Amino acid sequence: MAESDSDAAEPVVLVEHDETDPSVAVVTLNRPAKYNALTVDLKEALLTALAGVGGDADVRAVVLTGAGRAFCVGQDLAEHATALEQDAATSFDTVRDHYNPLVLAITGMAKPVVAAINGPCAGAGLGLALAADLRIAAAGLTFTTAFTGIGLTADTGLSATLSHAVGVSRATELLLLNEQFTAEDALNWGLVREVVPAGEVSEAALVLARRLASGPTRAYAEVKGALRFGAVNEMPAVLDHEADAQARLATSPDHQRAVAAFLSKSTPAFEGW
């Protein structure tokens, strides 16, 4: 695996399992000295990590976070400057080669992903956070779209996810003006679920992920797919998609046990996949 700047033995992405609930995987961007800025090595390691937890049948929920004081400040601009010097025409190949697959790996994962936003979050880092299903942020941290500040438009899915999260009008404002906003702003706009003191972000995200891990994971996967489908399709197609999903879930043991539990006034125990 690729290595971090600060320690030749330290991987740039860490994958660990929650001690309380091993079915919760924690994926950590690990370039703390560089605020987890995204290099090719880190992006490739993150793709590998996401594929690993996504394909692990023992993992029922995932937490995505950053090491140190930041979540992720986006593209490593020093690496990008080198790519521009070498060949400006190919300097953005990383968008198709890395950023797009990363977003699809998160949004398409058949299990819930919680972003634990522990510090500054900008550019593609914001895109990764918004690709997650739920977000918890540290009090006082700042978000920045960043792209127009260096003469670019959005990538990492932000053109869609930001407007879906806060509305087209505010997303336009945030992308055009490139103004910082706070965790408290994000909470008021519905972009994050909860704001907690910085030292409590990790545990709050784990508590949420444990709750999700104990739930009906097949239903969660269908919910994720339905939301993606519903965002870009007309109502008749959405209704057909929902009907097909419900038919698939009707045969799941989780649904059948939950109905029986409801009728017997007991609490259902979901086994998931």
C-alpha atoms as a PDB file:
ATOM      1  CA  MET A   1       0.000   0.000   0.000  1.00  0.00           C
ATOM      2  CA  ALA A   2       1.103   3.594  -0.582  1.00  0.00           C
ATOM      3  CA  GLU A   3       2.802   5.464   2.219  1.00  0.00           C
ATOM      4  CA  SER A   4       2.186   8.735   4.031  1.00  0.00           C
ATOM      5  CA  ASP A   5       4.483  11.765   3.999  1.00  0.00           C
ATOM      6  CA  SER A   6       5.230  11.704   7.700  1.00  0.00           C
ATOM      7  CA  ASP A   7       6.054   8.065   8.270  1.00  0.00           C
ATOM      8  CA  ALA A   8       7.351   5.675   5.631  1.00  0.00           C
ATOM      9  CA  ALA A   9       5.702   2.769   7.450  1.00  0.00           C
ATOM     10  CA  GLU A  10       2.308   4.405   7.801  1.00  0.00           C
ATOM     11  CA  PRO A  11      -0.364   3.656   5.160  1.00  0.00           C
ATOM     12  CA  VAL A  12      -2.218   6.606   3.653  1.00  0.00           C
ATOM     13  CA  VAL A  13      -5.560   4.893   4.292  1.00  0.00           C
ATOM     14  CA  LEU A  14      -6.373   2.916   7.410  1.00  0.00           C
ATOM     15  CA  VAL A  15      -9.124   0.299   7.700  1.00  0.00           C
ATOM     16  CA  GLU A  16     -10.090  -0.748  11.198  1.00  0.00           C
ATOM     17  CA  HIS A  17     -13.057  -2.400  12.886  1.00  0.00           C
ATOM     18  CA  ASP A  18     -14.965  -0.908  15.789  1.00  0.00           C
ATOM     19  CA  GLU A  19     -14.073  -2.682  19.021  1.00  0.00           C
ATOM     20  CA  THR A  20     -17.656  -2.470  20.282  1.00  0.00           C
ATOM     21  CA  ASP A  21     -19.198  -3.722  17.047  1.00  0.00           C
ATOM     22  CA  PRO A  22     -16.772  -5.327  14.575  1.00  0.00           C
ATOM     23  CA  SER A  23     -19.417  -5.160  11.842  1.00  0.00           C
ATOM     24  CA  VAL A  24     -18.676  -1.421  11.683  1.00  0.00           C
ATOM     25  CA  ALA A  25     -15.615  -0.639   9.552  1.00  0.00           C
ATOM     26  CA  VAL A  26     -13.758   2.661   9.937  1.00  0.00           C
ATOM     27  CA  VAL A  27     -11.928   3.969   6.866  1.00  0.00           C
ATOM     28  CA  THR A  28      -9.517   6.795   7.686  1.00  0.00           C
ATOM     29  CA  LEU A  29      -7.692   9.104   5.285  1.00  0.00           C
ATOM     30  CA  ASN A  30      -4.228   9.201   6.791  1.00  0.00           C
ATOM     31  CA  ARG A  31      -2.101  12.144   5.640  1.00  0.00           C
ATOM     32  CA  PRO A  32      -2.610  14.273   8.743  1.00  0.00           C
ATOM     33  CA  ALA A  33       0.439  16.491   8.100  1.00  0.00           C
ATOM     34  CA  LYS A  34      -1.139  17.516   4.773  1.00  0.00           C
ATOM     35  CA  TYR A  35      -4.721  17.739   6.084  1.00  0.00           C
ATOM     36  CA  ASN A  36      -5.469  14.533   4.177  1.00  0.00           C
ATOM     37  CA  ALA A  37      -5.035  16.212   0.803  1.00  0.00           C
ATOM     38  CA  LEU A  38      -5.716  13.741  -1.979  1.00  0.00           C
ATOM     39  CA  THR A  39      -2.780  12.359  -3.942  1.00  0.00           C
ATOM     40  CA  VAL A  40      -2.976   9.605  -6.537  1.00  0.00           C
ATOM     41  CA  ASP A  41      -1.567   7.180  -3.964  1.00  0.00           C
ATOM     42  CA  LEU A  42      -4.220   8.096  -1.418  1.00  0.00           C
ATOM     43  CA  LYS A  43      -7.047   7.951  -3.957  1.00  0.00           C
ATOM     44  CA  GLU A  44      -5.976   4.519  -5.156  1.00  0.00           C
ATOM     45  CA  ALA A  45      -5.615   3.267  -1.588  1.00  0.00           C
ATOM     46  CA  LEU A  46      -9.046   4.652  -0.733  1.00  0.00           C
ATOM     47  CA  LEU A  47     -10.596   2.915  -3.732  1.00  0.00           C
ATOM     48  CA  THR A  48      -9.056  -0.347  -2.567  1.00  0.00           C
ATOM     49  CA  ALA A  49     -10.275   0.198   0.982  1.00  0.00           C
ATOM     50  CA  LEU A  50     -13.823   1.032  -0.094  1.00  0.00           C
ATOM     51  CA  ALA A  51     -13.965  -1.993  -2.381  1.00  0.00           C
ATOM     52  CA  GLY A  52     -12.751  -4.132   0.507  1.00  0.00           C
ATOM     53  CA  VAL A  53     -15.303  -3.008   3.076  1.00  0.00           C
ATOM     54  CA  GLY A  54     -18.035  -2.861   0.457  1.00  0.00           C
ATOM     55  CA  GLY A  55     -17.436  -6.473  -0.492  1.00  0.00           C
ATOM     56  CA  ASP A  56     -16.979  -7.778   3.051  1.00  0.00           C
ATOM     57  CA  ALA A  57     -20.139  -9.627   4.080  1.00  0.00           C
ATOM     58  CA  ASP A  58     -19.229  -9.153   7.746  1.00  0.00           C
ATOM     59  CA  VAL A  59     -19.298  -5.347   7.419  1.00  0.00           C
ATOM     60  CA  ARG A  60     -22.765  -3.835   7.886  1.00  0.00           C
ATOM     61  CA  ALA A  61     -21.919  -0.110   8.160  1.00  0.00           C
ATOM     62  CA  VAL A  62     -18.927   2.100   7.378  1.00  0.00           C
ATOM     63  CA  VAL A  63     -17.489   5.274   8.908  1.00  0.00           C
ATOM     64  CA  LEU A  64     -15.350   7.508   6.688  1.00  0.00           C
ATOM     65  CA  THR A  65     -13.122  10.041   8.456  1.00  0.00           C
ATOM     66  CA  GLY A  66      -9.773  11.820   8.404  1.00  0.00           C
ATOM     67  CA  ALA A  67      -6.718  11.518  10.639  1.00  0.00           C
ATOM     68  CA  GLY A  68      -5.499  14.490  12.621  1.00  0.00           C
ATOM     69  CA  ARG A  69      -7.123  17.910  12.508  1.00  0.00           C
ATOM     70  CA  ALA A  70      -8.856  17.724   9.107  1.00  0.00           C
ATOM     71  CA  PHE A  71     -11.347  15.545   7.295  1.00  0.00           C
ATOM     72  CA  CYS A  72      -9.966  16.279   3.817  1.00  0.00           C
ATOM     73  CA  VAL A  73      -9.011  19.541   2.090  1.00  0.00           C
ATOM     74  CA  GLY A  74      -9.381  18.103  -1.414  1.00  0.00           C
ATOM     75  CA  GLN A  75      -6.830  17.620  -4.159  1.00  0.00           C
ATOM     76  CA  ASP A  76      -3.151  17.916  -3.260  1.00  0.00           C
ATOM     77  CA  LEU A  77      -2.357  21.035  -5.289  1.00  0.00           C
ATOM     78  CA  ALA A  78       1.395  20.422  -5.256  1.00  0.00           C
ATOM     79  CA  GLU A  79       0.833  17.140  -7.069  1.00  0.00           C
ATOM     80  CA  HIS A  80      -1.662  18.827  -9.386  1.00  0.00           C
ATOM     81  CA  ALA A  81       0.827  21.593 -10.231  1.00  0.00           C
ATOM     82  CA  THR A  82       3.325  18.944 -11.289  1.00  0.00           C
ATOM     83  CA  ALA A  83       0.692  17.279 -13.471  1.00  0.00           C
ATOM     84  CA  LEU A  84      -0.098  20.632 -15.092  1.00  0.00           C
ATOM     85  CA  GLU A  85       3.550  21.207 -15.904  1.00  0.00           C
ATOM     86  CA  GLN A  86       3.921  17.750 -17.395  1.00  0.00           C
ATOM     87  CA  ASP A  87       0.790  17.912 -19.565  1.00  0.00           C
ATOM     88  CA  ALA A  88      -2.143  20.206 -18.803  1.00  0.00           C
ATOM     89  CA  ALA A  89      -4.346  18.273 -21.247  1.00  0.00           C
ATOM     90  CA  THR A  90      -4.121  15.115 -19.125  1.00  0.00           C
ATOM     91  CA  SER A  91      -3.778  16.735 -15.708  1.00  0.00           C
ATOM     92  CA  PHE A  92      -7.433  16.088 -14.909  1.00  0.00           C
ATOM     93  CA  ASP A  93      -7.482  12.433 -15.902  1.00  0.00           C
ATOM     94  CA  THR A  94      -7.680  11.789 -12.167  1.00  0.00           C
ATOM     95  CA  VAL A  95     -11.302  12.969 -12.191  1.00  0.00           C
ATOM     96  CA  ARG A  96     -12.394  10.039 -14.356  1.00  0.00           C
ATOM     97  CA  ASP A  97      -9.742   7.640 -13.069  1.00  0.00           C
ATOM     98  CA  HIS A  98     -10.144   8.289  -9.339  1.00  0.00           C
ATOM     99  CA  TYR A  99     -12.729  10.808  -8.171  1.00  0.00           C
ATOM    100  CA  ASN A 100     -15.628   9.395 -10.148  1.00  0.00           C
ATOM    101  CA  PRO A 101     -14.975   5.789  -9.041  1.00  0.00           C
ATOM    102  CA  LEU A 102     -14.582   6.959  -5.427  1.00  0.00           C
ATOM    103  CA  VAL A 103     -17.976   8.652  -5.414  1.00  0.00           C
ATOM    104  CA  LEU A 104     -19.604   5.622  -7.054  1.00  0.00           C
ATOM    105  CA  ALA A 105     -17.924   3.305  -4.544  1.00  0.00           C
ATOM    106  CA  ILE A 106     -19.513   5.242  -1.674  1.00  0.00           C
ATOM    107  CA  THR A 107     -22.929   5.957  -3.157  1.00  0.00           C
ATOM    108  CA  GLY A 108     -23.225   2.502  -4.693  1.00  0.00           C
ATOM    109  CA  MET A 109     -22.107   0.608  -1.604  1.00  0.00           C
ATOM    110  CA  ALA A 110     -24.884  -1.705  -0.439  1.00  0.00           C
ATOM    111  CA  LYS A 111     -24.463  -0.596   3.153  1.00  0.00           C
ATOM    112  CA  PRO A 112     -24.738   2.774   4.914  1.00  0.00           C
ATOM    113  CA  VAL A 113     -21.746   5.120   5.073  1.00  0.00           C
ATOM    114  CA  VAL A 114     -21.386   7.757   7.799  1.00  0.00           C
ATOM    115  CA  ALA A 115     -18.944  10.627   7.285  1.00  0.00           C
ATOM    116  CA  ALA A 116     -17.295  11.701  10.549  1.00  0.00           C
ATOM    117  CA  ILE A 117     -16.189  15.203   9.551  1.00  0.00           C
ATOM    118  CA  ASN A 118     -13.621  15.943  12.205  1.00  0.00           C
ATOM    119  CA  GLY A 119     -12.084  19.107  10.746  1.00  0.00           C
ATOM    120  CA  PRO A 120     -11.769  21.313   7.648  1.00  0.00           C
ATOM    121  CA  CYS A 121     -13.514  19.884   4.606  1.00  0.00           C
ATOM    122  CA  ALA A 122     -12.997  21.388   1.150  1.00  0.00           C
ATOM    123  CA  GLY A 123     -13.234  20.687  -2.556  1.00  0.00           C
ATOM    124  CA  ALA A 124     -13.156  16.993  -3.348  1.00  0.00           C
ATOM    125  CA  GLY A 125     -13.148  16.345   0.391  1.00  0.00           C
ATOM    126  CA  LEU A 126     -16.581  17.934   0.560  1.00  0.00           C
ATOM    127  CA  GLY A 127     -17.585  15.786  -2.402  1.00  0.00           C
ATOM    128  CA  LEU A 128     -16.562  12.634  -0.532  1.00  0.00           C
ATOM    129  CA  ALA A 129     -18.442  13.752   2.581  1.00  0.00           C
ATOM    130  CA  LEU A 130     -21.598  14.414   0.583  1.00  0.00           C
ATOM    131  CA  ALA A 131     -21.319  11.049  -1.144  1.00  0.00           C
ATOM    132  CA  ALA A 132     -21.804   9.464   2.291  1.00  0.00           C
ATOM    133  CA  ASP A 133     -25.332   8.755   3.454  1.00  0.00           C
ATOM    134  CA  LEU A 134     -25.183  10.610   6.782  1.00  0.00           C
ATOM    135  CA  ARG A 135     -22.772  13.172   8.197  1.00  0.00           C
ATOM    136  CA  ILE A 136     -21.680  14.251  11.675  1.00  0.00           C
ATOM    137  CA  ALA A 137     -19.481  17.349  11.974  1.00  0.00           C
ATOM    138  CA  ALA A 138     -17.219  18.882  14.581  1.00  0.00           C
ATOM    139  CA  ALA A 139     -18.400  22.163  16.061  1.00  0.00           C
ATOM    140  CA  GLY A 140     -16.673  25.200  14.580  1.00  0.00           C
ATOM    141  CA  LEU A 141     -15.134  23.491  11.561  1.00  0.00           C
ATOM    142  CA  THR A 142     -15.264  25.165   8.161  1.00  0.00           C
ATOM    143  CA  PHE A 143     -16.406  23.861   4.793  1.00  0.00           C
ATOM    144  CA  THR A 144     -15.386  25.320   1.440  1.00  0.00           C
ATOM    145  CA  THR A 145     -16.377  24.313  -2.064  1.00  0.00           C
ATOM    146  CA  ALA A 146     -12.971  25.709  -3.188  1.00  0.00           C
ATOM    147  CA  PHE A 147     -13.246  25.043  -6.921  1.00  0.00           C
ATOM    148  CA  THR A 148     -13.867  28.520  -8.332  1.00  0.00           C
ATOM    149  CA  GLY A 149     -11.122  29.817  -6.054  1.00  0.00           C
ATOM    150  CA  ILE A 150      -8.638  28.121  -8.392  1.00  0.00           C
ATOM    151  CA  GLY A 151     -10.598  28.675 -11.582  1.00  0.00           C
ATOM    152  CA  LEU A 152     -12.406  25.342 -11.724  1.00  0.00           C
ATOM    153  CA  THR A 153     -15.907  23.926 -11.634  1.00  0.00           C
ATOM    154  CA  ALA A 154     -17.085  21.222  -9.265  1.00  0.00           C
ATOM    155  CA  ASP A 155     -16.182  17.551  -9.456  1.00  0.00           C
ATOM    156  CA  THR A 156     -16.552  14.555  -7.120  1.00  0.00           C
ATOM    157  CA  GLY A 157     -20.308  14.690  -7.674  1.00  0.00           C
ATOM    158  CA  LEU A 158     -20.802  18.067  -5.970  1.00  0.00           C
ATOM    159  CA  SER A 159     -22.804  19.458  -8.894  1.00  0.00           C
ATOM    160  CA  ALA A 160     -25.545  17.023  -7.887  1.00  0.00           C
ATOM    161  CA  THR A 161     -25.021  16.211  -4.215  1.00  0.00           C
ATOM    162  CA  LEU A 162     -24.658  19.791  -2.991  1.00  0.00           C
ATOM    163  CA  SER A 163     -27.813  20.982  -4.730  1.00  0.00           C
ATOM    164  CA  HIS A 164     -29.707  17.915  -3.492  1.00  0.00           C
ATOM    165  CA  ALA A 165     -28.540  18.630   0.059  1.00  0.00           C
ATOM    166  CA  VAL A 166     -29.119  22.387   0.300  1.00  0.00           C
ATOM    167  CA  GLY A 167     -31.128  23.327  -2.798  1.00  0.00           C
ATOM    168  CA  VAL A 168     -30.057  24.725  -6.145  1.00  0.00           C
ATOM    169  CA  SER A 169     -30.091  28.366  -5.057  1.00  0.00           C
ATOM    170  CA  ARG A 170     -27.767  27.911  -2.072  1.00  0.00           C
ATOM    171  CA  ALA A 171     -25.566  25.433  -3.941  1.00  0.00           C
ATOM    172  CA  THR A 172     -25.135  28.012  -6.710  1.00  0.00           C
ATOM    173  CA  GLU A 173     -24.151  30.614  -4.136  1.00  0.00           C
ATOM    174  CA  LEU A 174     -21.660  28.296  -2.432  1.00  0.00           C
ATOM    175  CA  LEU A 175     -20.037  27.194  -5.679  1.00  0.00           C
ATOM    176  CA  LEU A 176     -19.904  30.597  -7.376  1.00  0.00           C
ATOM    177  CA  LEU A 177     -18.812  32.705  -4.418  1.00  0.00           C
ATOM    178  CA  ASN A 178     -16.583  30.071  -2.781  1.00  0.00           C
ATOM    179  CA  GLU A 179     -17.394  31.395   0.678  1.00  0.00           C
ATOM    180  CA  GLN A 180     -16.614  29.348   3.754  1.00  0.00           C
ATOM    181  CA  PHE A 181     -19.485  28.024   5.825  1.00  0.00           C
ATOM    182  CA  THR A 182     -19.466  26.448   9.255  1.00  0.00           C
ATOM    183  CA  ALA A 183     -20.641  23.186  10.728  1.00  0.00           C
ATOM    184  CA  GLU A 184     -23.450  25.148  12.349  1.00  0.00           C
ATOM    185  CA  ASP A 185     -24.484  26.533   8.945  1.00  0.00           C
ATOM    186  CA  ALA A 186     -24.396  23.001   7.559  1.00  0.00           C
ATOM    187  CA  LEU A 187     -26.644  21.786  10.378  1.00  0.00           C
ATOM    188  CA  ASN A 188     -29.153  24.585   9.786  1.00  0.00           C
ATOM    189  CA  TRP A 189     -29.235  23.752   6.065  1.00  0.00           C
ATOM    190  CA  GLY A 190     -29.702  20.028   6.664  1.00  0.00           C
ATOM    191  CA  LEU A 191     -26.331  19.134   5.168  1.00  0.00           C
ATOM    192  CA  VAL A 192     -25.195  17.341   8.354  1.00  0.00           C
ATOM    193  CA  ARG A 193     -27.245  15.354  10.852  1.00  0.00           C
ATOM    194  CA  GLU A 194     -25.491  16.503  14.007  1.00  0.00           C
ATOM    195  CA  VAL A 195     -22.772  18.871  15.245  1.00  0.00           C
ATOM    196  CA  VAL A 196     -20.778  17.758  18.291  1.00  0.00           C
ATOM    197  CA  PRO A 197     -17.595  18.914  20.042  1.00  0.00           C
ATOM    198  CA  ALA A 198     -14.494  18.036  18.015  1.00  0.00           C
ATOM    199  CA  GLY A 199     -13.355  15.356  20.436  1.00  0.00           C
ATOM    200  CA  GLU A 200     -16.702  13.577  20.212  1.00  0.00           C
ATOM    201  CA  VAL A 201     -17.078  13.274  16.429  1.00  0.00           C
ATOM    202  CA  SER A 202     -15.575   9.808  16.147  1.00  0.00           C
ATOM    203  CA  GLU A 203     -17.698   8.305  18.915  1.00  0.00           C
ATOM    204  CA  ALA A 204     -20.882  10.001  17.680  1.00  0.00           C
ATOM    205  CA  ALA A 205     -20.289   8.585  14.201  1.00  0.00           C
ATOM    206  CA  LEU A 206     -19.618   5.131  15.635  1.00  0.00           C
ATOM    207  CA  VAL A 207     -22.814   5.241  17.690  1.00  0.00           C
ATOM    208  CA  LEU A 208     -24.778   6.084  14.553  1.00  0.00           C
ATOM    209  CA  ALA A 209     -22.988   3.428  12.507  1.00  0.00           C
ATOM    210  CA  ARG A 210     -23.652   0.797  15.188  1.00  0.00           C
ATOM    211  CA  ARG A 211     -27.332   1.674  15.069  1.00  0.00           C
ATOM    212  CA  LEU A 212     -27.346   1.242  11.309  1.00  0.00           C
ATOM    213  CA  ALA A 213     -25.356  -1.992  11.526  1.00  0.00           C
ATOM    214  CA  SER A 214     -28.054  -3.486  13.744  1.00  0.00           C
ATOM    215  CA  GLY A 215     -30.770  -2.645  11.228  1.00  0.00           C
ATOM    216  CA  PRO A 216     -32.196  -4.133   8.016  1.00  0.00           C
ATOM    217  CA  THR A 217     -29.177  -3.751   5.759  1.00  0.00           C
ATOM    218  CA  ARG A 218     -30.926  -5.092   2.658  1.00  0.00           C
ATOM    219  CA  ALA A 219     -33.590  -2.430   3.082  1.00  0.00           C
ATOM    220  CA  TYR A 220     -30.890   0.218   3.534  1.00  0.00           C
ATOM    221  CA  ALA A 221     -29.285  -0.834   0.263  1.00  0.00           C
ATOM    222  CA  GLU A 222     -32.633  -0.536  -1.499  1.00  0.00           C
ATOM    223  CA  VAL A 223     -33.216   2.904   0.055  1.00  0.00           C
ATOM    224  CA  LYS A 224     -29.858   4.117  -1.252  1.00  0.00           C
ATOM    225  CA  GLY A 225     -30.614   2.832  -4.730  1.00  0.00           C
ATOM    226  CA  ALA A 226     -34.124   4.282  -4.698  1.00  0.00           C
ATOM    227  CA  LEU A 227     -32.897   7.740  -3.709  1.00  0.00           C
ATOM    228  CA  ARG A 228     -30.311   7.742  -6.486  1.00  0.00           C
ATOM    229  CA  PHE A 229     -32.910   6.596  -8.987  1.00  0.00           C
ATOM    230  CA  GLY A 230     -35.563   9.005  -7.775  1.00  0.00           C
ATOM    231  CA  ALA A 231     -33.249  12.005  -8.085  1.00  0.00           C
ATOM    232  CA  VAL A 232     -32.976  11.691 -11.864  1.00  0.00           C
ATOM    233  CA  ASN A 233     -36.131   9.938 -13.096  1.00  0.00           C
ATOM    234  CA  GLU A 234     -39.790  10.777 -13.700  1.00  0.00           C
ATOM    235  CA  MET A 235     -42.460   9.666 -11.222  1.00  0.00           C
ATOM    236  CA  PRO A 236     -43.814   6.690 -13.231  1.00  0.00           C
ATOM    237  CA  ALA A 237     -40.346   5.168 -13.412  1.00  0.00           C
ATOM    238  CA  VAL A 238     -39.769   5.907  -9.721  1.00  0.00           C
ATOM    239  CA  LEU A 239     -42.989   4.133  -8.796  1.00  0.00           C
ATOM    240  CA  ASP A 240     -42.013   1.079 -10.835  1.00  0.00           C
ATOM    241  CA  HIS A 241     -38.580   1.080  -9.205  1.00  0.00           C
ATOM    242  CA  GLU A 242     -40.145   1.215  -5.738  1.00  0.00           C
ATOM    243  CA  ALA A 243     -42.551  -1.621  -6.555  1.00  0.00           C
ATOM    244  CA  ASP A 244     -39.689  -3.825  -7.755  1.00  0.00           C
ATOM    245  CA  ALA A 245     -37.672  -3.057  -4.618  1.00  0.00           C
ATOM    246  CA  GLN A 246     -40.560  -3.877  -2.322  1.00  0.00           C
ATOM    247  CA  ALA A 247     -41.101  -7.170  -4.148  1.00  0.00           C
ATOM    248  CA  ARG A 248     -37.424  -8.049  -3.600  1.00  0.00           C
ATOM    249  CA  LEU A 249     -37.609  -7.187   0.085  1.00  0.00           C
ATOM    250  CA  ALA A 250     -40.853  -9.135   0.597  1.00  0.00           C
ATOM    251  CA  THR A 251     -38.900 -12.389   0.480  1.00  0.00           C
ATOM    252  CA  SER A 252     -36.201 -11.220   2.885  1.00  0.00           C
ATOM    253  CA  PRO A 253     -36.102 -12.905   6.312  1.00  0.00           C
ATOM    254  CA  ASP A 254     -35.674  -9.483   7.942  1.00  0.00           C
ATOM    255  CA  HIS A 255     -39.009  -8.240   6.594  1.00  0.00           C
ATOM    256  CA  GLN A 256     -40.869 -11.425   7.435  1.00  0.00           C
ATOM    257  CA  ARG A 257     -39.474 -11.551  10.975  1.00  0.00           C
ATOM    258  CA  ALA A 258     -40.206  -7.853  11.498  1.00  0.00           C
ATOM    259  CA  VAL A 259     -43.845  -8.294  10.509  1.00  0.00           C
ATOM    260  CA  ALA A 260     -44.162 -11.254  12.864  1.00  0.00           C
ATOM    261  CA  ALA A 261     -42.492  -9.244  15.623  1.00  0.00           C
ATOM    262  CA  PHE A 262     -44.900  -6.357  15.077  1.00  0.00           C
ATOM    263  CA  LEU A 263     -47.905  -8.662  15.344  1.00  0.00           C
ATOM    264  CA  SER A 264     -46.531 -10.251  18.519  1.00  0.00           C
ATOM    265  CA  LYS A 265     -45.620  -6.835  19.966  1.00  0.00           C
ATOM    266  CA  SER A 266     -41.943  -7.756  20.209  1.00  0.00           C
ATOM    267  CA  THR A 267     -38.784  -6.067  18.932  1.00  0.00           C
ATOM    268  CA  PRO A 268     -37.463  -7.402  15.628  1.00  0.00           C
ATOM    269  CA  ALA A 269     -33.864  -8.588  15.369  1.00  0.00           C
ATOM    270  CA  PHE A 270     -32.448  -7.840  11.921  1.00  0.00           C
ATOM    271  CA  GLU A 271     -29.791 -10.116  10.488  1.00  0.00           C
ATOM    272  CA  GLY A 272     -29.195  -8.235   7.245  1.00  0.00           C
ATOM    273  CA  TRP A 273     -27.511  -9.826   4.276  1.00  0.00           C
END
